[in-house]
């Protein structure tokens, strides 16, 4: 249920594709940039290269959609996993892969006794969880002019449909966390998709087509 405000770094982490995602135009799109532009827009970052895994206890994939034109209805996905292959000397060569369990959608909606749980209804009717239990995002391009803000473009597969999506991403920094003794990277990401692009049209008379995706994520070096 998801137009362009994910994919973050995981990020996918949830959702999330596009008519395509619309992000600030300060940076050239990876597909349109020349090799020289890509190199100039991907400065080296002073953090160790390697494989990083998402820390689910410090991550969230949240979606918001306008309901009856009055408010932004909010939900999240609780089952999210992601891997970041970081190339610190050439960040544009890094790769992000995200996997979200469709049925892990959580709307915090109270359920009446005897009724089908609302989260289950949303998962099956709006997100196609029964036929497509997993939502995935695989990055295809990463561009940053300053090493802090940039764009991550990738293929979002949701409800059995795959479309390109671009996320506006901010790198919040990295450090060795003393408690875990693991080097950790932090990211924030935003995007918007049109859910109809993925065949998700349930409740279209009451719920807008555009879905905002908001991602926060920390990754541990493996």
Protein backbone atom coordinates (compact mmCIF):
# COMPACT_ATOMS: atom_id res chain seq x y z
CA UNK A 1 0.00 0.00 0.00
CA UNK A 2 2.26 2.26 -0.68
CA UNK A 3 4.76 7.78 -4.53
CA UNK A 4 8.16 9.53 -3.66
CA UNK A 5 8.95 11.34 -0.43
CA UNK A 6 12.61 4.00 1.42
CA UNK A 7 14.49 3.16 -0.26
CA UNK A 8 17.00 4.67 2.77
CA UNK A 9 19.50 2.76 3.22
CA UNK A 10 18.35 -0.61 3.85
CA UNK A 11 16.90 0.29 2.50
CA UNK A 12 13.46 -1.42 2.06
CA UNK A 13 13.41 -1.83 4.55
CA UNK A 14 8.97 -1.50 3.50
CA UNK A 15 7.79 -0.73 1.74
CA UNK A 16 8.60 0.92 -0.75
CA UNK A 17 8.66 2.28 -5.63
CA UNK A 18 7.48 4.31 -9.06
CA UNK A 19 5.59 6.25 -10.97
CA UNK A 20 8.61 6.98 -9.85
CA UNK A 21 9.69 8.33 -6.59
CA UNK A 22 10.16 12.03 -6.66
CA UNK A 23 13.11 13.36 -4.72
CA UNK A 24 15.04 16.63 -4.66
CA UNK A 25 16.69 17.30 -8.01
CA UNK A 26 19.98 18.59 -6.57
CA UNK A 27 21.73 15.40 -7.69
CA UNK A 28 21.78 13.79 -11.15
CA UNK A 29 19.88 10.52 -11.41
CA UNK A 30 22.29 7.60 -11.50
CA UNK A 31 20.87 6.33 -14.79
CA UNK A 32 21.39 9.72 -16.49
CA UNK A 33 24.77 10.63 -15.01
CA UNK A 34 28.04 10.27 -16.89
CA UNK A 35 30.82 8.18 -15.27
CA UNK A 36 32.61 11.42 -14.35
CA UNK A 37 29.48 12.80 -12.68
CA UNK A 38 28.96 9.61 -10.73
CA UNK A 39 32.56 9.63 -9.50
CA UNK A 40 32.34 13.29 -8.51
CA UNK A 41 29.03 12.72 -6.78
CA UNK A 42 30.28 9.78 -4.73
CA UNK A 43 33.05 11.00 -2.41
CA UNK A 44 34.91 8.47 -0.29
CA UNK A 45 33.67 8.17 3.28
CA UNK A 46 35.82 7.53 6.34
CA UNK A 47 34.13 4.36 7.59
CA UNK A 48 35.23 0.73 7.19
CA UNK A 49 34.08 -1.13 4.09
CA UNK A 50 32.37 -4.47 4.46
CA UNK A 51 29.07 -6.17 5.04
CA UNK A 52 26.61 -4.47 7.38
CA UNK A 53 23.38 -6.04 8.64
CA UNK A 54 20.33 -4.12 9.79
CA UNK A 55 19.82 -3.87 13.54
CA UNK A 56 16.05 -4.48 13.78
CA UNK A 57 15.90 -3.05 17.31
CA UNK A 58 17.07 0.31 15.94
CA UNK A 59 15.16 0.42 12.67
CA UNK A 60 11.69 1.34 11.49
CA UNK A 61 9.85 1.26 8.18
CA UNK A 62 6.79 3.48 8.48
CA UNK A 63 4.15 4.29 5.85
CA UNK A 64 1.56 7.07 5.81
CA UNK A 65 -1.45 7.50 3.53
CA UNK A 66 -4.19 10.15 3.57
CA UNK A 67 -7.54 8.87 4.83
CA UNK A 68 -10.78 10.53 3.63
CA UNK A 69 -8.74 13.67 2.91
CA UNK A 70 -8.58 14.38 6.64
CA UNK A 71 -5.57 12.72 8.24
CA UNK A 72 -2.45 10.70 7.48
CA UNK A 73 -3.15 7.12 8.52
CA UNK A 74 0.07 5.56 9.78
CA UNK A 75 1.36 2.01 9.95
CA UNK A 76 4.65 0.16 10.02
CA UNK A 77 6.31 -3.14 9.18
CA UNK A 78 7.81 -5.11 12.04
CA UNK A 79 9.51 -7.88 10.04
CA UNK A 80 12.40 -6.16 8.25
CA UNK A 81 15.85 -7.44 7.31
CA UNK A 82 18.51 -5.69 5.25
CA UNK A 83 22.13 -5.98 4.19
CA UNK A 84 24.41 -3.14 3.14
CA UNK A 85 27.60 -3.94 1.24
CA UNK A 86 29.60 -0.75 1.83
CA UNK A 87 32.40 0.31 -0.49
CA UNK A 88 33.86 3.24 1.47
CA UNK A 89 36.30 4.32 -1.25
CA UNK A 90 33.60 4.27 -3.93
CA UNK A 91 30.21 4.56 -2.21
CA UNK A 92 28.42 4.50 -5.58
CA UNK A 93 29.45 0.83 -5.82
CA UNK A 94 27.82 -0.04 -2.51
CA UNK A 95 24.69 -2.18 -2.51
CA UNK A 96 21.59 -2.38 -0.35
CA UNK A 97 19.15 -5.33 -0.21
CA UNK A 98 16.00 -5.20 1.91
CA UNK A 99 13.38 -7.84 2.70
CA UNK A 100 10.09 -7.11 4.47
CA UNK A 101 7.56 -9.68 5.66
CA UNK A 102 4.28 -8.42 4.21
CA UNK A 103 2.15 -9.91 6.98
CA UNK A 104 4.20 -8.03 9.61
CA UNK A 105 2.23 -4.84 8.86
CA UNK A 106 1.14 -3.16 12.10
CA UNK A 107 -1.55 -0.46 12.17
CA UNK A 108 -2.08 -0.42 15.95
CA UNK A 109 -5.78 -0.74 15.16
CA UNK A 110 -8.01 -2.24 17.88
CA UNK A 111 -9.73 -5.48 16.89
CA UNK A 112 -13.30 -6.32 17.82
CA UNK A 113 -13.79 -9.78 19.27
CA UNK A 114 -14.79 -12.26 16.59
CA UNK A 115 -13.58 -10.12 13.69
CA UNK A 116 -10.59 -10.84 11.50
CA UNK A 117 -7.66 -8.86 12.95
CA UNK A 118 -7.40 -5.57 11.07
CA UNK A 119 -3.66 -6.02 10.45
CA UNK A 120 -4.43 -9.31 8.72
CA UNK A 121 -7.11 -7.65 6.61
CA UNK A 122 -4.69 -4.91 5.54
CA UNK A 123 -1.95 -7.44 4.81
CA UNK A 124 -4.15 -9.64 2.63
CA UNK A 125 -6.56 -7.18 1.02
CA UNK A 126 -4.29 -4.15 0.53
CA UNK A 127 -0.83 -5.70 0.36
CA UNK A 128 -1.42 -9.12 -1.20
CA UNK A 129 0.36 -10.95 1.61
CA UNK A 130 -1.15 -14.37 0.91
CA UNK A 131 0.15 -14.55 -2.67
CA UNK A 132 3.23 -12.37 -2.09
CA UNK A 133 4.50 -12.79 1.47
CA UNK A 134 7.67 -10.75 0.94
CA UNK A 135 8.37 -7.17 -0.16
CA UNK A 136 11.90 -6.59 -1.45
CA UNK A 137 14.10 -3.68 -2.44
CA UNK A 138 17.40 -4.08 -4.30
CA UNK A 139 19.50 -0.99 -4.96
CA UNK A 140 20.69 -0.24 -8.47
CA UNK A 141 22.39 3.12 -7.92
CA UNK A 142 23.71 5.34 -5.14
CA UNK A 143 24.61 9.00 -5.67
CA UNK A 144 25.83 11.55 -3.12
CA UNK A 145 27.46 14.93 -3.70
CA UNK A 146 28.66 15.42 -0.14
CA UNK A 147 28.80 12.00 1.50
CA UNK A 148 25.91 12.95 3.77
CA UNK A 149 22.80 13.37 1.62
CA UNK A 150 21.96 11.61 -1.61
CA UNK A 151 19.71 9.27 -3.52
CA UNK A 152 19.39 5.51 -3.51
CA UNK A 153 17.62 4.09 -6.54
CA UNK A 154 16.48 0.50 -6.71
CA UNK A 155 13.83 -2.01 -7.69
CA UNK A 156 10.92 -2.39 -5.30
CA UNK A 157 8.94 -5.61 -5.59
CA UNK A 158 5.55 -5.43 -3.93
CA UNK A 159 2.32 -7.34 -4.55
CA UNK A 160 4.09 -9.24 -7.32
CA UNK A 161 5.02 -6.09 -9.24
CA UNK A 162 8.55 -4.70 -9.62
CA UNK A 163 9.14 -1.00 -10.29
CA UNK A 164 12.05 1.43 -9.87
CA UNK A 165 11.95 3.69 -6.82
CA UNK A 166 14.25 6.44 -5.57
CA UNK A 167 14.75 7.31 -1.92
CA UNK A 168 16.15 10.54 -0.52
CA UNK A 169 18.72 9.37 2.02
CA UNK A 170 20.68 11.05 4.79
CA UNK A 171 23.76 9.42 6.29
CA UNK A 172 23.66 10.21 10.01
CA UNK A 173 27.16 9.00 10.81
CA UNK A 174 29.03 5.95 12.03
CA UNK A 175 30.92 4.86 15.13
CA UNK A 176 32.04 1.92 17.18
CA UNK A 177 29.25 1.23 19.67
CA UNK A 178 30.80 0.19 22.98
CA UNK A 179 27.87 -1.93 24.17
CA UNK A 180 27.80 -4.11 21.06
CA UNK A 181 31.48 -3.70 20.11
CA UNK A 182 30.31 -3.36 16.53
CA UNK A 183 30.92 -0.55 14.07
CA UNK A 184 27.52 0.93 13.29
CA UNK A 185 26.18 3.18 10.52
CA UNK A 186 22.95 5.20 10.76
CA UNK A 187 20.64 6.36 7.97
CA UNK A 188 17.33 8.16 7.45
CA UNK A 189 15.34 7.86 4.21
CA UNK A 190 12.09 9.07 2.72
CA UNK A 191 10.16 8.30 -0.43
CA UNK A 192 6.69 8.20 -1.97
CA UNK A 193 5.06 5.64 -4.20
CA UNK A 194 1.68 5.27 -5.88
CA UNK A 195 0.16 2.06 -4.57
CA UNK A 196 -1.89 1.65 -7.75
CA UNK A 197 1.40 1.20 -9.65
CA UNK A 198 1.70 -2.06 -7.75
CA UNK A 199 -1.88 -3.15 -8.20
CA UNK A 200 -2.80 -2.20 -4.62
CA UNK A 201 -6.14 -0.42 -5.04
CA UNK A 202 -8.17 -1.54 -2.00
CA UNK A 203 -10.32 1.15 -0.34
CA UNK A 204 -9.50 3.62 -3.15
CA UNK A 205 -12.65 5.63 -2.40
CA UNK A 206 -11.39 6.41 1.09
CA UNK A 207 -7.61 6.09 0.91
CA UNK A 208 -5.30 8.14 -1.33
CA UNK A 209 -3.07 6.55 -3.95
CA UNK A 210 0.16 8.20 -2.79
CA UNK A 211 1.94 6.48 0.09
CA UNK A 212 4.75 8.14 1.99
CA UNK A 213 7.57 5.92 3.28
CA UNK A 214 9.76 6.94 6.20
CA UNK A 215 12.80 4.86 7.17
CA UNK A 216 15.23 4.98 10.08
CA UNK A 217 17.98 2.37 10.23
CA UNK A 218 21.19 1.37 11.94
CA UNK A 219 23.51 -1.25 10.44
CA UNK A 220 26.10 -3.34 12.30
CA UNK A 221 29.34 -4.35 10.57
CA UNK A 222 29.58 -8.12 10.38
